[in-house]
Amino acid sequence: MVTPVDRDDVGLLRPAPAGLPETAIQPPVVAESGDPFTALRIIGLVAQLARGRPIRVSAIVDRLNATTLDWLFEAQVVLDALLQLHANWMTDYRNAAGIVLDEGTRGTTLTIEDSSRVDPWIVRQARREADSCHETLLAFSRRDRPSGE
């Protein structure tokens, strides 16, 4: 029988010493255009926005930065994701009324159609991005080394 002292693997871990700081600290993430993790967070907020009235994109950026403190969202990244949502809406419904981006005196605004078809559609958009996130994580977990070898 092998005793824990004879083993060369990690074995059982003892409790962490008192006062050891949190070791799972994550660095901040800078949101990037085209990244599914970024898009999912943006869509998650868009799904909760009021319908039928213009909302300044800068206010959306501010809310994202205030609620996801470990992420940094720049206006252009958020606008890129919103433009992609607009394009997806046009592809699915062949009209521009569902997701409207408009340039006004107060900056760019987003207006989301106030209809029953928006919620199921936006859930599908979020699921597609979430699936892409999971695929990215699975691909990462299959690599032998951080360099991808």
Protein backbone atom coordinates (compact mmCIF):
# COMPACT_ATOMS: atom_id res chain seq x y z
CA MET A 1 0.00 0.00 0.00
CA VAL A 2 1.24 3.46 -0.90
CA THR A 3 1.16 6.05 1.85
CA PRO A 4 0.65 9.76 1.13
CA VAL A 5 4.31 10.41 1.93
CA ASP A 6 5.47 7.93 -0.74
CA ARG A 7 3.36 9.39 -3.52
CA ASP A 8 4.83 11.88 -5.92
CA ASP A 9 1.51 13.37 -7.00
CA VAL A 10 -0.19 16.30 -5.30
CA GLY A 11 -2.40 14.10 -3.16
CA LEU A 12 -4.83 15.52 -0.67
CA LEU A 13 -4.63 19.23 -0.04
CA ARG A 14 -4.55 20.65 3.43
CA PRO A 15 -6.61 23.71 4.38
CA ALA A 16 -5.23 27.04 3.24
CA PRO A 17 -3.36 28.98 5.90
CA ALA A 18 -5.29 31.68 7.71
CA GLY A 19 -5.01 35.04 6.00
CA LEU A 20 -4.23 33.67 2.51
CA PRO A 21 -5.77 36.17 0.07
CA GLU A 22 -8.20 35.18 -2.67
CA THR A 23 -6.17 33.50 -5.42
CA ALA A 24 -8.84 33.40 -8.13
CA ILE A 25 -8.52 37.09 -8.93
CA GLN A 26 -9.21 37.70 -12.58
CA PRO A 27 -7.72 40.50 -14.64
CA PRO A 28 -10.10 42.97 -16.25
CA VAL A 29 -11.34 42.08 -19.70
CA VAL A 30 -11.42 44.60 -22.50
CA ALA A 31 -14.47 43.88 -24.63
CA GLU A 32 -13.72 43.29 -28.31
CA SER A 33 -15.87 43.53 -31.40
CA GLY A 34 -16.80 40.15 -32.83
CA ASP A 35 -16.11 38.33 -29.55
CA PRO A 36 -19.02 36.09 -28.48
CA PHE A 37 -18.34 36.70 -24.77
CA THR A 38 -18.67 40.45 -25.38
CA ALA A 39 -21.75 40.08 -27.57
CA LEU A 40 -23.47 37.87 -24.99
CA ARG A 41 -23.04 40.49 -22.27
CA ILE A 42 -24.33 43.25 -24.55
CA ILE A 43 -27.31 41.18 -25.70
CA GLY A 44 -28.07 40.33 -22.08
CA LEU A 45 -28.48 44.02 -21.31
CA VAL A 46 -30.34 44.78 -24.55
CA ALA A 47 -32.86 42.05 -23.64
CA GLN A 48 -33.75 44.02 -20.52
CA LEU A 49 -33.99 47.49 -22.04
CA ALA A 50 -37.30 49.33 -22.35
CA ARG A 51 -39.10 48.85 -25.64
CA GLY A 52 -40.50 51.45 -28.01
CA ARG A 53 -38.36 54.42 -26.97
CA PRO A 54 -34.90 55.62 -27.99
CA ILE A 55 -32.06 54.91 -25.57
CA ARG A 56 -28.69 56.57 -26.01
CA VAL A 57 -25.92 54.09 -26.86
CA SER A 58 -23.66 56.00 -24.49
CA ALA A 59 -26.11 55.19 -21.67
CA ILE A 60 -25.95 51.51 -22.64
CA VAL A 61 -22.14 51.65 -22.54
CA ASP A 62 -22.28 53.33 -19.13
CA ARG A 63 -24.66 50.69 -17.77
CA LEU A 64 -22.48 47.83 -19.08
CA ASN A 65 -19.40 49.34 -17.47
CA ALA A 66 -21.25 49.96 -14.20
CA THR A 67 -22.72 46.47 -13.92
CA THR A 68 -19.82 44.35 -15.20
CA LEU A 69 -16.95 45.83 -13.23
CA ASP A 70 -14.40 43.31 -14.49
CA TRP A 71 -15.06 44.30 -18.11
CA LEU A 72 -14.39 47.50 -20.05
CA PHE A 73 -16.83 48.30 -22.85
CA GLU A 74 -15.96 51.03 -25.34
CA ALA A 75 -18.70 52.76 -27.30
CA GLN A 76 -17.53 51.44 -30.68
CA VAL A 77 -17.54 47.83 -29.45
CA VAL A 78 -21.10 48.19 -28.15
CA LEU A 79 -22.16 49.92 -31.36
CA ASP A 80 -20.63 47.10 -33.43
CA ALA A 81 -22.65 44.53 -31.47
CA LEU A 82 -25.82 46.58 -31.87
CA LEU A 83 -25.20 46.91 -35.61
CA GLN A 84 -24.84 43.13 -35.78
CA LEU A 85 -28.16 42.74 -33.96
CA HIS A 86 -29.72 45.18 -36.44
CA ALA A 87 -28.35 43.18 -39.37
CA ASN A 88 -29.57 39.91 -37.83
CA TRP A 89 -33.03 41.39 -37.36
CA MET A 90 -33.13 42.54 -40.98
CA THR A 91 -32.06 39.08 -42.12
CA ASP A 92 -34.72 37.35 -40.03
CA TYR A 93 -37.65 39.72 -40.53
CA ARG A 94 -36.80 41.63 -43.74
CA ASN A 95 -37.49 45.01 -42.11
CA ALA A 96 -35.58 47.52 -40.06
CA ALA A 97 -38.28 48.28 -37.48
CA GLY A 98 -37.18 45.82 -34.79
CA ILE A 99 -33.74 47.15 -33.92
CA VAL A 100 -33.33 50.77 -34.96
CA LEU A 101 -30.10 52.71 -34.61
CA ASP A 102 -30.47 56.41 -35.23
CA GLU A 103 -28.00 59.29 -35.16
CA GLY A 104 -29.44 62.36 -33.46
CA THR A 105 -28.39 65.53 -31.70
CA ARG A 106 -27.76 63.58 -28.47
CA GLY A 107 -25.70 60.90 -30.23
CA THR A 108 -26.61 57.46 -31.47
CA THR A 109 -29.75 55.91 -30.04
CA LEU A 110 -31.19 52.41 -30.01
CA THR A 111 -34.92 51.80 -30.25
CA ILE A 112 -36.23 48.26 -29.82
CA GLU A 113 -39.63 47.42 -31.26
CA ASP A 114 -42.33 46.96 -28.63
CA SER A 115 -43.83 43.70 -29.88
CA SER A 116 -44.17 40.11 -28.75
CA ARG A 117 -41.70 38.88 -31.38
CA VAL A 118 -38.69 40.70 -29.86
CA ASP A 119 -38.18 38.62 -26.71
CA PRO A 120 -38.05 35.19 -28.39
CA TRP A 121 -35.82 36.60 -31.11
CA ILE A 122 -33.37 38.18 -28.67
CA VAL A 123 -33.25 34.96 -26.65
CA ARG A 124 -32.23 33.12 -29.83
CA GLN A 125 -29.52 35.71 -30.45
CA ALA A 126 -28.20 35.25 -26.91
CA ARG A 127 -28.31 31.45 -27.19
CA ARG A 128 -26.33 31.58 -30.41
CA GLU A 129 -23.64 33.71 -28.74
CA ALA A 130 -23.66 31.49 -25.63
CA ASP A 131 -23.18 28.41 -27.83
CA SER A 132 -20.26 30.14 -29.51
CA CYS A 133 -18.78 30.93 -26.07
CA HIS A 134 -19.08 27.28 -25.05
CA GLU A 135 -17.47 26.13 -28.31
CA THR A 136 -14.58 28.55 -27.71
CA LEU A 137 -14.09 27.25 -24.17
CA LEU A 138 -14.22 23.63 -25.34
CA ALA A 139 -11.64 24.33 -28.03
CA PHE A 140 -9.43 25.99 -25.43
CA SER A 141 -9.76 23.05 -23.03
CA ARG A 142 -8.70 20.58 -25.73
CA ARG A 143 -5.36 22.25 -26.30
CA ASP A 144 -2.40 20.62 -24.58
CA ARG A 145 -0.55 23.86 -23.99
CA PRO A 146 -1.43 27.54 -23.75
CA SER A 147 0.42 28.08 -27.04
CA GLY A 148 -2.06 25.77 -28.76
CA GLU A 149 0.32 22.92 -29.51
